[in-house]
Structures are given as structure tokens and as C-alpha cells.
Amino acid sequence: MKVLVVGSGGREHAIVWKLSQSPLIDEIICAPGNGGIASLARCFDVKATDLDGMCALAQSEKVDYVVVAPDDPLALGMVDRLSKLNIPSFGPTSSAAIIESSKVFSKNLMKKYGIPTAKYETFTDSSSAIEYIRRQGAPIVVKADGLALGKGVIVCQTVEEAQDAVHSMIDEGLFGKSGASVVIEEFMTGPEVTVLCFTDGKTISPMPSSQDHKRAFDGDDGPNTGGMGAISPVPCYTPEIAERCMNEIFIPTINAMNSEGRTFKGVIYFGLMLTPQGPKVVEYNSRFGDPECQALLIRLKSDLFEIMRATTDGTLGSLDIKWDERASCCVVMASGGYPVKYKSGHEICGIDRSTATIFHAGTRLSDGKLFTSGGRVLGVTALGNTLAEAIRNAYAGVMPISFENMYFRRDIGSKSIEEDE
């Protein structure tokens, strides 16, 4: 079979890497791809959000299946468009992807169906929002309603910070239309855990737990990013908590979406906080997280393509999905200045000397050399018999790699190790 993967980041490289191991696939193409993906798939210069261009590519290349990996094309309805062309694909329809593309929708869904989450209110004008913030006090969380490249959530330690966040989103258009509505919610405390689940709308198959590191700098300091690293599993996510999440959050969410006529197929991302009152939902995503995807797919022993087709066909319940019992760690190497201002075009050296599995995020090939082309550049990923060993192996894999103005967090997973001890 011939498969098209939509996207250009580290998540997409990990997906292509895993799909390339499937005996069911004859050829993989990718659009737009990157410098690492190009070694595994033919890449085409079509933007992930170009629905017309992507559908035309799928038709002209006569692909049998499309994997829509990023959030934007899912929200825009790429799966819907491909379905009209009788091309099966992996990912939710736009009506189901709204669980990520609108935080107002997802919060109201949780309230309606009794799914545990933070107390909240939604606003479209800054004066009402600020009045609410003053009544609630700080710390408090301000979220843009729509998609914002993983940067639309601001945890505010003071009332003044929260007011500034509201003004920047609603009045100054920091995130465009995505910030025209905001969700303001209570500040929750506890370890954060991500659980990604494959689902065909009936069966839910949770992946091992993982944990993203969103803040730019060590010690969870600095601005939010798309993610600076991930580990799997998370020691504090015990079997008892997993069972509670399945019964109180995962199954009720899938049932709620079915009840709303928005059956979800693909990967649903549960961003959780293990609060003193129990697990609660921080956010939903309608696709693999990045870099959680890298840390998880390196642990997947089953055929990813077989799983993806089962979510599309409604046969997920017939599969017995196997995972490597070893732990994993992904360390993101980024361009200096990310997530604000950074320069690209620097040559990347030393990848061939790394002992880790390298997933490319922001790279491009030119005359046989690799250059940086984005904020997050590489996801250096490794396995280990223990979480501590996986972390050591990932950082050992980082050491030989260099490019101008590179930076990376040096504490990925350290908090989980301390909590486990």
C-alpha cells in the first residue's frame, strides 16, 4: 500500500519512521516533510493546511491511505475532504477535532457530562474577563479558545499577569481569531501526565503514560513552548490511577462525543493533572502530542499502520497492541531564542555520531548537508531499562550534536525521578 503522511515536524518523522517498519506498506510519501523524513519518504512541497493541494496530491499519487498528523488540517476538515474522495485516512473529522480546536467546546462538554476538570468561565470581552479575574484572584490560568501552536495557555501568578494575558489575546489579537474567546480557569496543582489513546469511537486503547515538558527552560521556567522533551512512563501514574482515569475520564469522553454526534476516531490526547482531589482533565488534543509521540512510538512493538487502519475501520477491539516494557526519553534540541525569535539556516553536525534515535523537527537538506529550519530542531530519543537509564541514554545521544545557538533543557524527567525516589 502507498501511504501519505501530512506534516513536517518531529511527530511526523516518528510516525514515518514507525510506518516504514510495516510490511503492509510499499511506499510512504510526505508533505511537506523535513530533512530527516526525506531519508524515508519522498517529500512534496505542499503545506499541511493546503486542503486542495493535499487532496490533489493524494489523488495524483494514487495513495491508499492518508495519515493527517497535525492539529490545523484536522480542524479544517482534511479527513472530511479525503472521505469525499473515497480515500481512507487516520484522524478525526472536523466535527470531532473541535475537542481540541475549541477549548470553550471541550470545557462545556466536560461540564455537561460530568468529566472532572478545573472550574472555569468563558469570555469574549476583556472587561468581563478582568472583573472575573479580580474576583477569583491568582494564580489563575488564561487560555485562548482556539489553536495556538501549543502556546495559547498562560499560567498567571498575579492578577496583573492575568489581566495582561486577557488584553493580549482579546484586545491585541496575540493569537488572532484563536484568542477572540478565552477560557479562564482555576489553577490546579499536582503532577501533569499525558495519556494518548487509540480509538475507533467504540474501543479505547490507552498508550503508556508520558509527560511533556512545556516550559522553555530548566526548572519549568520561561515561556510555554510546543514541548522541550518527554518521558514515558510517568512513575506517579499508577495502575489504580489508570483505572480511575479510564472509568471517570476516557470512556465518558468517548461516550460524550458519540452522544453529541461527533464520533472520534484516531488518537485522542488526554492532558491530565493528578490533583489532591483526583485526576482531572487539563486539555484534550485530537492527535499525537509532540514530543510525546517520539517517546511513545519508540516503545511501540505492534504495527502502527495496522492500528491506524483499525481506528478507521472500526476494528480496534480485535487488536492486541504490544509495548516495550523499557522506559524512554526524548530531549528536544532547539534554536536559541525559541519560542520567541530565533534564526535558522545553521548547519547541524554530529548526528551520525549520536547513539540515540534522532527525530527531525525543524531541519532541511541542502547539497547533502543538514541545516536548521525551525524553533524545535531535533528530538533525541532513547530507551533504557529504567527511566533514569533512558534519560542518561538520551542525553548521551545529545552530546555529539552541535549547531550554532542551540539550546536544550538539561532536566527532562528529573522531577519524575525525584518523585519516584
Protein backbone atom coordinates (compact mmCIF):
# COMPACT_ATOMS: atom_id res chain seq x y z
CA MET A 1 0.00 0.00 0.00
CA LYS A 2 1.00 3.61 -0.56
CA VAL A 3 0.64 6.00 2.39
CA LEU A 4 0.76 9.80 2.56
CA VAL A 5 1.75 11.41 5.87
CA VAL A 6 0.72 15.05 6.32
CA GLY A 7 3.06 17.30 8.34
CA SER A 8 6.66 18.37 8.80
CA GLY A 9 7.71 18.05 12.45
CA GLY A 10 9.28 15.61 14.85
CA ARG A 11 5.94 13.91 15.40
CA GLU A 12 5.62 13.28 11.68
CA HIS A 13 9.18 11.94 11.43
CA ALA A 14 8.42 9.50 14.25
CA ILE A 15 5.22 8.40 12.51
CA VAL A 16 7.01 7.92 9.17
CA TRP A 17 9.85 6.05 10.94
CA LYS A 18 7.40 3.65 12.59
CA LEU A 19 5.24 3.21 9.48
CA SER A 20 8.36 2.38 7.44
CA GLN A 21 8.71 -0.77 9.58
CA SER A 22 5.30 -2.10 8.46
CA PRO A 23 5.33 -4.98 5.94
CA LEU A 24 1.90 -3.78 4.82
CA ILE A 25 3.33 -0.58 3.29
CA ASP A 26 5.14 -0.45 -0.04
CA GLU A 27 5.83 3.29 -0.17
CA ILE A 28 5.49 6.37 2.04
CA ILE A 29 5.27 9.93 0.79
CA CYS A 30 5.11 13.01 2.99
CA ALA A 31 4.04 16.63 2.59
CA PRO A 32 5.76 18.87 3.30
CA GLY A 33 8.21 16.70 5.28
CA ASN A 34 11.67 17.72 6.50
CA GLY A 35 15.34 16.84 6.20
CA GLY A 36 15.03 13.68 8.28
CA ILE A 37 11.78 12.44 6.76
CA ALA A 38 13.37 12.78 3.31
CA SER A 39 15.56 9.75 4.05
CA LEU A 40 12.47 7.56 4.49
CA ALA A 41 9.87 9.08 2.18
CA ARG A 42 9.50 11.18 -0.95
CA CYS A 43 8.60 14.70 0.17
CA PHE A 44 6.34 17.16 -1.64
CA ASP A 45 6.20 20.92 -1.12
CA VAL A 46 2.54 21.13 -0.10
CA LYS A 47 1.59 22.93 3.12
CA ALA A 48 -0.20 20.85 5.74
CA THR A 49 -3.07 23.35 5.77
CA ASP A 50 -3.48 23.37 1.96
CA LEU A 51 -6.50 21.10 1.75
CA ASP A 52 -6.93 21.49 -2.01
CA GLY A 53 -3.24 20.83 -2.65
CA MET A 54 -3.09 17.84 -0.32
CA CYS A 55 -6.20 16.23 -1.81
CA ALA A 56 -4.80 16.78 -5.31
CA LEU A 57 -1.51 15.19 -4.23
CA ALA A 58 -3.31 12.19 -2.74
CA GLN A 59 -5.20 11.70 -5.99
CA SER A 60 -2.28 12.25 -8.38
CA GLU A 61 -0.05 9.91 -6.39
CA LYS A 62 -2.86 7.35 -6.07
CA VAL A 63 -2.33 6.87 -2.35
CA ASP A 64 -4.28 4.20 -0.49
CA TYR A 65 -4.28 5.85 2.94
CA VAL A 66 -3.51 9.26 4.46
CA VAL A 67 -2.23 9.98 7.98
CA VAL A 68 -3.25 13.51 9.00
CA ALA A 69 -0.90 14.25 11.90
CA PRO A 70 -1.10 18.00 12.80
CA ASP A 71 -4.00 19.76 14.51
CA ASP A 72 -4.66 22.54 11.97
CA PRO A 73 -5.58 20.35 8.95
CA LEU A 74 -7.74 18.16 11.20
CA ALA A 75 -9.64 21.21 12.46
CA LEU A 76 -10.00 22.48 8.87
CA GLY A 77 -11.60 19.20 7.79
CA MET A 78 -8.93 17.38 5.81
CA VAL A 79 -10.28 13.97 6.88
CA ASP A 80 -13.75 15.04 5.71
CA ARG A 81 -12.41 16.15 2.33
CA LEU A 82 -10.46 12.92 1.81
CA SER A 83 -13.52 10.86 2.75
CA LYS A 84 -15.50 12.53 -0.05
CA LEU A 85 -12.75 11.36 -2.43
CA ASN A 86 -13.08 7.81 -1.02
CA ILE A 87 -9.54 7.97 0.40
CA PRO A 88 -9.42 6.48 3.91
CA SER A 89 -7.43 8.41 6.48
CA PHE A 90 -6.26 8.44 10.08
CA GLY A 91 -7.62 11.17 12.32
CA PRO A 92 -10.92 12.68 13.41
CA THR A 93 -13.37 14.65 11.28
CA SER A 94 -13.53 18.40 11.88
CA SER A 95 -16.69 17.96 13.98
CA ALA A 96 -14.73 15.68 16.34
CA ALA A 97 -11.45 17.62 16.17
CA ILE A 98 -13.31 20.52 17.79
CA ILE A 99 -12.47 18.85 21.10
CA GLU A 100 -9.03 20.43 20.60
CA SER A 101 -9.75 23.34 18.29
CA SER A 102 -12.18 24.96 20.75
CA LYS A 103 -11.40 24.98 24.46
CA VAL A 104 -14.81 26.54 25.05
CA PHE A 105 -16.41 23.48 23.43
CA SER A 106 -14.28 21.00 25.37
CA LYS A 107 -14.84 22.69 28.74
CA ASN A 108 -18.60 22.85 28.14
CA LEU A 109 -18.56 19.17 27.10
CA MET A 110 -16.87 18.22 30.37
CA LYS A 111 -19.33 20.26 32.40
CA LYS A 112 -22.32 18.74 30.60
CA TYR A 113 -21.18 15.14 31.04
CA GLY A 114 -19.59 15.39 34.48
CA ILE A 115 -16.00 14.80 33.41
CA PRO A 116 -13.62 16.17 36.09
CA THR A 117 -11.80 19.38 35.13
CA ALA A 118 -10.89 22.76 36.58
CA LYS A 119 -13.61 25.27 37.45
CA TYR A 120 -13.85 27.85 34.65
CA GLU A 121 -15.72 30.60 32.83
CA THR A 122 -15.53 31.74 29.19
CA PHE A 123 -15.39 35.31 27.90
CA THR A 124 -15.36 37.28 24.65
CA ASP A 125 -14.81 40.75 26.12
CA SER A 126 -11.84 41.78 28.22
CA SER A 127 -13.70 43.88 30.79
CA SER A 128 -15.88 40.97 31.95
CA ALA A 129 -12.89 38.65 31.96
CA ILE A 130 -10.80 41.02 34.06
CA GLU A 131 -13.66 41.55 36.51
CA TYR A 132 -13.84 37.76 36.94
CA ILE A 133 -10.07 37.52 37.46
CA ARG A 134 -10.20 40.17 40.16
CA ARG A 135 -12.91 38.23 41.98
CA GLN A 136 -11.05 34.91 41.72
CA GLY A 137 -7.53 36.13 42.44
CA ALA A 138 -4.27 34.45 41.43
CA PRO A 139 -2.67 32.15 40.49
CA ILE A 140 -5.09 31.61 37.62
CA VAL A 141 -4.93 30.24 34.07
CA VAL A 142 -5.87 32.09 30.88
CA LYS A 143 -6.40 30.02 27.71
CA ALA A 144 -7.04 31.06 24.13
CA ASP A 145 -10.10 29.25 22.82
CA GLY A 146 -8.57 28.07 19.54
CA LEU A 147 -5.36 26.52 18.26
CA ALA A 148 -2.18 28.45 19.07
CA LEU A 149 0.76 26.11 18.35
CA GLY A 150 0.77 24.88 21.94
CA LYS A 151 1.40 28.41 23.25
CA GLY A 152 -2.15 29.60 23.97
CA VAL A 153 -2.13 28.75 27.68
CA ILE A 154 -0.72 31.27 30.15
CA VAL A 155 -0.35 30.35 33.81
CA CYS A 156 -0.54 33.67 35.63
CA GLN A 157 0.96 34.06 39.10
CA THR A 158 -0.57 37.50 39.69
CA VAL A 159 -3.82 39.28 38.84
CA GLU A 160 -1.80 41.77 36.79
CA GLU A 161 -0.28 38.99 34.67
CA ALA A 162 -3.74 37.56 34.04
CA GLN A 163 -5.09 40.98 33.02
CA ASP A 164 -2.19 41.42 30.60
CA ALA A 165 -2.85 37.95 29.15
CA VAL A 166 -6.50 38.79 28.55
CA HIS A 167 -5.65 42.11 26.90
CA SER A 168 -3.03 40.48 24.68
CA MET A 169 -5.46 37.80 23.49
CA ILE A 170 -8.79 39.62 23.17
CA ASP A 171 -7.79 43.25 22.58
CA GLU A 172 -4.41 42.93 20.86
CA GLY A 173 -5.07 39.73 18.89
CA LEU A 174 -1.95 37.87 20.03
CA PHE A 175 -3.36 34.58 18.67
CA GLY A 176 -5.68 36.06 16.04
CA LYS A 177 -9.15 34.53 15.96
CA SER A 178 -7.97 31.76 18.30
CA GLY A 179 -7.82 34.29 21.14
CA ALA A 180 -11.07 36.13 20.42
CA SER A 181 -12.66 33.96 23.12
CA VAL A 182 -10.82 32.97 26.27
CA VAL A 183 -11.27 30.38 28.99
CA ILE A 184 -10.26 31.46 32.48
CA GLU A 185 -9.91 28.59 34.90
CA GLU A 186 -8.73 27.79 38.37
CA PHE A 187 -5.09 26.94 38.92
CA MET A 188 -4.79 23.22 39.67
CA THR A 189 -1.87 21.59 41.45
CA GLY A 190 -0.32 18.14 41.08
CA PRO A 191 1.81 16.17 38.61
CA GLU A 192 0.86 16.51 34.94
CA VAL A 193 0.53 13.34 32.88
CA THR A 194 -0.37 12.75 29.25
CA VAL A 195 -2.26 9.64 28.19
CA LEU A 196 -2.78 9.17 24.47
CA CYS A 197 -5.42 6.68 23.39
CA PHE A 198 -6.13 5.00 20.08
CA THR A 199 -9.87 4.85 19.47
CA ASP A 200 -12.28 3.86 16.73
CA GLY A 201 -15.19 5.54 18.51
CA LYS A 202 -16.08 2.32 20.33
CA THR A 203 -12.90 0.76 21.70
CA ILE A 204 -10.34 2.80 23.66
CA SER A 205 -6.74 1.53 23.78
CA PRO A 206 -4.57 3.69 26.06
CA MET A 207 -0.88 4.04 25.33
CA PRO A 208 1.68 4.08 28.17
CA SER A 209 1.70 7.29 30.18
CA SER A 210 4.00 10.10 29.13
CA GLN A 211 4.93 13.58 30.31
CA ASP A 212 5.70 16.65 28.23
CA HIS A 213 7.93 19.49 29.45
CA LYS A 214 6.32 22.66 28.10
CA ARG A 215 8.39 25.44 29.64
CA ALA A 216 11.41 26.63 27.69
CA PHE A 217 14.00 26.49 30.46
CA ASP A 218 15.24 24.25 33.26
CA GLY A 219 13.16 24.17 36.41
CA ASP A 220 9.94 24.66 34.42
CA ASP A 221 10.84 28.31 33.90
CA GLY A 222 10.29 30.60 30.92
CA PRO A 223 7.51 30.77 28.32
CA ASN A 224 5.43 27.84 27.12
CA THR A 225 6.72 26.06 24.02
CA GLY A 226 5.45 23.29 21.79
CA GLY A 227 7.35 20.93 24.10
CA MET A 228 11.02 20.64 25.10
CA GLY A 229 11.11 16.93 25.90
CA ALA A 230 9.10 13.95 27.10
CA ILE A 231 9.42 10.79 29.15
CA SER A 232 7.45 7.54 29.26
CA PRO A 233 6.19 6.10 31.53
CA VAL A 234 5.42 8.50 34.39
CA PRO A 235 6.07 6.81 37.77
CA CYS A 236 3.22 8.54 39.61
CA TYR A 237 0.63 7.25 37.09
CA THR A 238 -0.13 4.03 38.92
CA PRO A 239 -2.42 1.19 37.75
CA GLU A 240 -5.00 2.38 40.27
CA ILE A 241 -4.98 5.92 38.84
CA ALA A 242 -5.06 4.50 35.31
CA GLU A 243 -8.22 2.52 36.10
CA ARG A 244 -9.83 5.59 37.62
CA CYS A 245 -8.97 7.68 34.53
CA MET A 246 -10.43 5.02 32.24
CA ASN A 247 -13.72 4.95 34.14
CA GLU A 248 -14.06 8.64 35.05
CA ILE A 249 -12.45 10.36 32.03
CA PHE A 250 -11.56 8.26 28.96
CA ILE A 251 -14.76 6.24 28.50
CA PRO A 252 -17.06 9.15 29.47
CA THR A 253 -15.29 11.42 26.93
CA ILE A 254 -15.70 8.99 24.03
CA ASN A 255 -19.32 8.37 25.04
CA ALA A 256 -19.94 12.11 25.30
CA MET A 257 -18.59 12.70 21.80
CA ASN A 258 -20.82 9.92 20.47
CA SER A 259 -23.82 11.43 22.24
CA GLU A 260 -23.03 14.78 20.62
CA GLY A 261 -22.94 13.16 17.16
CA ARG A 262 -19.19 13.78 16.93
CA THR A 263 -17.75 10.24 16.97
CA PHE A 264 -13.99 10.46 17.46
CA LYS A 265 -11.61 8.19 15.53
CA GLY A 266 -7.82 8.37 15.65
CA VAL A 267 -5.69 9.41 18.62
CA ILE A 268 -7.20 11.40 21.43
CA TYR A 269 -4.79 13.13 23.83
CA PHE A 270 -5.76 13.42 27.46
CA GLY A 271 -3.71 16.06 29.27
CA LEU A 272 -4.27 15.23 32.93
CA MET A 273 -3.41 16.68 36.30
CA LEU A 274 -3.30 14.35 39.29
CA THR A 275 -4.76 16.75 41.83
CA PRO A 276 -5.29 16.05 45.55
CA GLN A 277 -8.99 15.59 44.65
CA GLY A 278 -8.19 13.05 41.94
CA PRO A 279 -7.29 13.13 38.22
CA LYS A 280 -8.74 15.99 36.20
CA VAL A 281 -8.55 16.98 32.53
CA VAL A 282 -6.27 19.91 31.72
CA GLU A 283 -6.83 19.70 27.96
CA TYR A 284 -7.74 17.45 25.06
CA ASN A 285 -5.84 17.18 21.78
CA SER A 286 -7.15 15.48 18.67
CA ARG A 287 -3.82 13.91 17.61
CA PHE A 288 -0.45 12.66 18.83
CA GLY A 289 1.35 15.11 21.08
CA ASP A 290 4.79 16.33 20.08
CA PRO A 291 7.23 15.27 21.59
CA GLU A 292 5.18 12.62 23.45
CA CYS A 293 4.76 10.86 20.10
CA GLN A 294 8.52 10.32 19.80
CA ALA A 295 8.81 8.90 23.32
CA LEU A 296 5.85 6.57 22.72
CA LEU A 297 6.40 5.27 19.21
CA ILE A 298 9.92 4.16 20.07
CA ARG A 299 8.20 1.87 22.63
CA LEU A 300 5.51 0.52 20.26
CA LYS A 301 6.14 -3.09 19.27
CA SER A 302 2.97 -3.60 17.21
CA ASP A 303 2.43 -2.48 13.61
CA LEU A 304 1.37 1.19 13.71
CA PHE A 305 -0.25 1.01 10.28
CA GLU A 306 -2.40 -1.93 11.32
CA ILE A 307 -3.55 0.05 14.37
CA MET A 308 -4.29 3.16 12.31
CA ARG A 309 -6.38 1.23 9.80
CA ALA A 310 -8.30 -0.41 12.66
CA THR A 311 -9.28 3.01 14.04
CA THR A 312 -10.60 3.94 10.60
CA ASP A 313 -12.38 0.63 10.00
CA GLY A 314 -13.87 0.29 13.49
CA THR A 315 -11.96 -2.92 14.28
CA LEU A 316 -9.62 -1.71 17.03
CA GLY A 317 -11.15 -4.14 19.52
CA SER A 318 -9.70 -7.08 17.58
CA LEU A 319 -6.08 -5.97 18.13
CA ASP A 320 -3.72 -6.81 20.97
CA ILE A 321 -1.34 -3.85 20.97
CA LYS A 322 2.11 -4.57 22.41
CA TRP A 323 4.51 -2.10 24.05
CA ASP A 324 8.17 -2.33 25.00
CA GLU A 325 8.46 -2.53 28.77
CA ARG A 326 11.55 -0.31 28.72
CA ALA A 327 11.27 3.40 29.52
CA SER A 328 12.00 6.19 27.05
CA CYS A 329 13.12 9.81 26.99
CA CYS A 330 13.08 12.44 24.24
CA VAL A 331 15.20 15.59 24.58
CA VAL A 332 14.37 18.44 22.18
CA MET A 333 17.27 20.43 20.77
CA ALA A 334 16.05 23.90 19.82
CA SER A 335 17.19 27.12 18.17
CA GLY A 336 18.34 29.81 20.61
CA GLY A 337 15.51 32.28 21.20
CA TYR A 338 12.70 29.77 20.64
CA PRO A 339 9.74 30.10 21.20
CA VAL A 340 10.02 33.85 20.52
CA LYS A 341 12.62 34.99 17.97
CA TYR A 342 15.29 32.72 16.56
CA LYS A 343 17.47 32.38 13.48
CA SER A 344 17.54 29.39 11.13
CA GLY A 345 19.94 28.18 8.47
CA HIS A 346 22.70 26.88 10.75
CA GLU A 347 24.46 23.67 9.73
CA ILE A 348 23.82 20.68 12.01
CA CYS A 349 26.83 18.49 12.76
CA GLY A 350 27.41 15.24 14.62
CA ILE A 351 24.10 13.41 14.11
CA ASP A 352 25.95 10.47 12.61
CA ARG A 353 27.92 10.11 15.86
CA SER A 354 24.87 10.04 18.14
CA THR A 355 23.89 6.73 19.75
CA ALA A 356 20.23 7.78 20.08
CA THR A 357 17.31 7.68 17.65
CA ILE A 358 17.04 11.15 16.11
CA PHE A 359 13.70 12.55 15.01
CA HIS A 360 13.96 15.71 12.90
CA ALA A 361 11.57 18.57 13.64
CA GLY A 362 12.95 21.75 12.03
CA THR A 363 15.59 20.65 9.52
CA ARG A 364 16.16 20.90 5.79
CA LEU A 365 18.57 19.18 3.42
CA SER A 366 20.73 21.21 1.04
CA ASP A 367 23.59 19.80 -1.04
CA GLY A 368 23.77 16.77 1.22
CA LYS A 369 24.07 18.85 4.40
CA LEU A 370 21.52 19.40 7.17
CA PHE A 371 20.50 22.87 8.31
CA THR A 372 18.15 24.19 10.97
CA SER A 373 14.78 25.44 9.69
CA GLY A 374 12.65 25.89 12.78
CA GLY A 375 12.44 26.53 16.51
CA ARG A 376 12.46 22.92 17.60
CA VAL A 377 15.15 21.23 15.55
CA LEU A 378 15.71 17.65 16.76
CA GLY A 379 14.15 15.16 19.17
CA VAL A 380 16.92 12.96 20.56
CA THR A 381 15.19 9.82 21.81
CA ALA A 382 16.42 6.73 23.65
CA LEU A 383 15.25 3.67 25.59
CA GLY A 384 16.51 2.35 28.92
CA ASN A 385 15.75 -0.47 31.34
CA THR A 386 14.78 2.19 33.87
CA LEU A 387 13.56 5.76 33.40
CA ALA A 388 16.86 7.06 34.81
CA GLU A 389 18.79 4.99 32.27
CA ALA A 390 16.58 6.17 29.39
CA ILE A 391 17.25 9.78 30.40
CA ARG A 392 21.01 9.17 30.59
CA ASN A 393 20.97 7.49 27.18
CA ALA A 394 19.05 10.36 25.60
CA TYR A 395 21.45 12.98 26.94
CA ALA A 396 24.42 10.85 25.84
CA GLY A 397 22.85 10.98 22.38
CA VAL A 398 22.65 14.78 22.54
CA MET A 399 26.34 15.30 23.29
CA PRO A 400 27.89 14.75 19.81
CA ILE A 401 25.36 17.05 18.06
CA SER A 402 26.01 20.73 17.51
CA PHE A 403 24.68 23.75 15.65
CA GLU A 404 25.02 27.48 16.23
CA ASN A 405 22.88 28.92 19.05
CA MET A 406 21.45 25.53 20.01
CA TYR A 407 19.91 25.00 23.41
CA PHE A 408 18.09 22.24 25.25
CA ARG A 409 16.74 21.63 28.73
CA ARG A 410 19.05 19.60 30.94
CA ASP A 411 16.38 18.41 33.38
CA ILE A 412 13.94 16.39 31.25
CA GLY A 413 12.43 13.75 33.53
CA SER A 414 14.41 14.77 36.61
CA LYS A 415 11.32 15.73 38.61
CA SER A 416 9.73 12.33 37.95
CA ILE A 417 12.91 10.59 39.04
CA GLU A 418 12.94 12.58 42.29
CA GLU A 419 9.26 11.86 42.95
CA ASP A 420 9.78 8.17 42.26
CA GLU A 421 12.66 8.01 44.72
